Amino acid sequence: GVRGPGGGCRLARPAEEITVAAIIAAVDPTVAEADIPDAGEHCLTHDLWRELSGQIRTVLDGVTLEALAREPGIIDALHADEAANGGRGG
């Protein structure tokens, strides 16, 4: 960051190389590694949450900071897709 008038943040890499997943991982690594706590027993729910976590990571890895800046409506499009699928996403 740069303080003072005209200050702000500067990117260390080009915006097209920075994914939403990378931003989340930088801000809160525990969210990026979120998984069901292992209670010592493997179950169907564990598999479902692991799959969901992988799907979320895939979506967030596919959205770059550059895409968000260029297409601010991307979030609206994701919400519209979710609504069209009965709240189940794409």
C-alpha atoms as a PDB file:
ATOM      1  CA  GLY A   1       0.000   0.000   0.000  1.00  0.00           C
ATOM      2  CA  VAL A   2       0.927   3.627  -0.525  1.00  0.00           C
ATOM      3  CA  ARG A   3      -0.183   6.175   2.077  1.00  0.00           C
ATOM      4  CA  GLY A   4      -1.251   9.738   1.527  1.00  0.00           C
ATOM      5  CA  PRO A   5      -2.972  11.613  -1.301  1.00  0.00           C
ATOM      6  CA  GLY A   6      -3.112   9.487  -4.390  1.00  0.00           C
ATOM      7  CA  GLY A   7      -2.167   6.454  -2.313  1.00  0.00           C
ATOM      8  CA  GLY A   8      -3.724   3.055  -2.463  1.00  0.00           C
ATOM      9  CA  CYS A   9      -2.751  -0.489  -3.236  1.00  0.00           C
ATOM     10  CA  ARG A  10      -0.512  -1.732  -5.989  1.00  0.00           C
ATOM     11  CA  LEU A  11      -0.626  -5.275  -7.267  1.00  0.00           C
ATOM     12  CA  ALA A  12       2.493  -7.420  -7.100  1.00  0.00           C
ATOM     13  CA  ARG A  13       1.325  -9.399 -10.150  1.00  0.00           C
ATOM     14  CA  PRO A  14      -0.898  -8.574 -13.139  1.00  0.00           C
ATOM     15  CA  ALA A  15      -4.620  -8.635 -12.272  1.00  0.00           C
ATOM     16  CA  GLU A  16      -5.237 -11.396 -14.829  1.00  0.00           C
ATOM     17  CA  GLU A  17      -2.929 -13.670 -12.811  1.00  0.00           C
ATOM     18  CA  ILE A  18      -4.666 -13.095  -9.466  1.00  0.00           C
ATOM     19  CA  THR A  19      -7.666 -15.325  -8.801  1.00  0.00           C
ATOM     20  CA  VAL A  20     -10.393 -14.833  -6.230  1.00  0.00           C
ATOM     21  CA  ALA A  21      -9.230 -18.100  -4.654  1.00  0.00           C
ATOM     22  CA  ALA A  22      -5.727 -16.639  -4.228  1.00  0.00           C
ATOM     23  CA  ILE A  23      -7.148 -13.497  -2.609  1.00  0.00           C
ATOM     24  CA  ILE A  24      -9.215 -15.550  -0.164  1.00  0.00           C
ATOM     25  CA  ALA A  25      -6.208 -17.733   0.647  1.00  0.00           C
ATOM     26  CA  ALA A  26      -4.091 -14.627   1.294  1.00  0.00           C
ATOM     27  CA  VAL A  27      -6.685 -13.036   3.567  1.00  0.00           C
ATOM     28  CA  ASP A  28      -7.705 -16.163   5.485  1.00  0.00           C
ATOM     29  CA  PRO A  29      -5.794 -19.373   4.738  1.00  0.00           C
ATOM     30  CA  THR A  30      -8.105 -21.367   7.023  1.00  0.00           C
ATOM     31  CA  VAL A  31     -11.024 -20.669   4.665  1.00  0.00           C
ATOM     32  CA  ALA A  32      -9.008 -21.833   1.661  1.00  0.00           C
ATOM     33  CA  GLU A  33      -8.218 -25.101   3.414  1.00  0.00           C
ATOM     34  CA  ALA A  34     -11.689 -25.547   4.928  1.00  0.00           C
ATOM     35  CA  ASP A  35     -12.780 -29.126   5.215  1.00  0.00           C
ATOM     36  CA  ILE A  36     -14.995 -31.165   7.500  1.00  0.00           C
ATOM     37  CA  PRO A  37     -13.210 -31.990  10.724  1.00  0.00           C
ATOM     38  CA  ASP A  38     -12.208 -35.625  10.738  1.00  0.00           C
ATOM     39  CA  ALA A  39     -13.988 -37.362  13.598  1.00  0.00           C
ATOM     40  CA  GLY A  40     -12.027 -40.523  12.899  1.00  0.00           C
ATOM     41  CA  GLU A  41     -14.776 -42.005  10.764  1.00  0.00           C
ATOM     42  CA  HIS A  42     -15.140 -41.595   7.006  1.00  0.00           C
ATOM     43  CA  CYS A  43     -18.736 -41.014   5.892  1.00  0.00           C
ATOM     44  CA  LEU A  44     -20.841 -39.913   2.923  1.00  0.00           C
ATOM     45  CA  THR A  45     -21.258 -36.406   4.359  1.00  0.00           C
ATOM     46  CA  HIS A  46     -17.499 -36.030   4.504  1.00  0.00           C
ATOM     47  CA  ASP A  47     -17.237 -36.991   0.818  1.00  0.00           C
ATOM     48  CA  LEU A  48     -20.014 -34.558  -0.147  1.00  0.00           C
ATOM     49  CA  TRP A  49     -18.388 -31.631   1.698  1.00  0.00           C
ATOM     50  CA  ARG A  50     -14.993 -32.467   0.196  1.00  0.00           C
ATOM     51  CA  GLU A  51     -16.562 -32.462  -3.294  1.00  0.00           C
ATOM     52  CA  LEU A  52     -18.373 -29.183  -2.609  1.00  0.00           C
ATOM     53  CA  SER A  53     -15.162 -27.617  -1.355  1.00  0.00           C
ATOM     54  CA  GLY A  54     -13.414 -28.699  -4.557  1.00  0.00           C
ATOM     55  CA  GLN A  55     -16.184 -27.262  -6.725  1.00  0.00           C
ATOM     56  CA  ILE A  56     -16.049 -23.922  -4.891  1.00  0.00           C
ATOM     57  CA  ARG A  57     -12.274 -23.816  -5.295  1.00  0.00           C
ATOM     58  CA  THR A  58     -12.646 -24.525  -9.027  1.00  0.00           C
ATOM     59  CA  VAL A  59     -15.089 -21.638  -9.484  1.00  0.00           C
ATOM     60  CA  LEU A  60     -12.962 -19.207  -7.476  1.00  0.00           C
ATOM     61  CA  ASP A  61      -9.814 -20.275  -9.340  1.00  0.00           C
ATOM     62  CA  GLY A  62     -11.600 -19.423 -12.586  1.00  0.00           C
ATOM     63  CA  VAL A  63     -12.434 -15.822 -11.644  1.00  0.00           C
ATOM     64  CA  THR A  64      -9.579 -13.336 -11.821  1.00  0.00           C
ATOM     65  CA  LEU A  65      -9.281  -9.874 -10.340  1.00  0.00           C
ATOM     66  CA  GLU A  66      -9.008  -8.534 -13.879  1.00  0.00           C
ATOM     67  CA  ALA A  67     -12.327 -10.185 -14.811  1.00  0.00           C
ATOM     68  CA  LEU A  68     -14.006  -8.636 -11.777  1.00  0.00           C
ATOM     69  CA  ALA A  69     -12.657  -5.191 -12.662  1.00  0.00           C
ATOM     70  CA  ARG A  70     -13.584  -5.534 -16.332  1.00  0.00           C
ATOM     71  CA  GLU A  71     -16.983  -7.107 -15.729  1.00  0.00           C
ATOM     72  CA  PRO A  72     -18.377  -5.898 -12.412  1.00  0.00           C
ATOM     73  CA  GLY A  73     -21.623  -7.663 -13.325  1.00  0.00           C
ATOM     74  CA  ILE A  74     -19.946 -11.064 -12.913  1.00  0.00           C
ATOM     75  CA  ILE A  75     -21.259 -11.317  -9.350  1.00  0.00           C
ATOM     76  CA  ASP A  76     -24.772 -10.515 -10.587  1.00  0.00           C
ATOM     77  CA  ALA A  77     -24.369 -13.191 -13.262  1.00  0.00           C
ATOM     78  CA  LEU A  78     -23.336 -15.758 -10.648  1.00  0.00           C
ATOM     79  CA  HIS A  79     -26.391 -14.868  -8.549  1.00  0.00           C
ATOM     80  CA  ALA A  80     -28.676 -15.077 -11.601  1.00  0.00           C
ATOM     81  CA  ASP A  81     -27.237 -18.498 -12.464  1.00  0.00           C
ATOM     82  CA  GLU A  82     -27.833 -19.654  -8.904  1.00  0.00           C
ATOM     83  CA  ALA A  83     -31.439 -18.408  -8.959  1.00  0.00           C
ATOM     84  CA  ALA A  84     -32.076 -20.081 -12.326  1.00  0.00           C
ATOM     85  CA  ASN A  85     -30.868 -23.376 -10.876  1.00  0.00           C
ATOM     86  CA  GLY A  86     -33.066 -23.208  -7.798  1.00  0.00           C
ATOM     87  CA  GLY A  87     -30.240 -22.000  -5.564  1.00  0.00           C
ATOM     88  CA  ARG A  88     -27.933 -24.830  -6.618  1.00  0.00           C
ATOM     89  CA  GLY A  89     -25.413 -22.817  -8.675  1.00  0.00           C
ATOM     90  CA  GLY A  90     -24.207 -23.573 -12.234  1.00  0.00           C
END
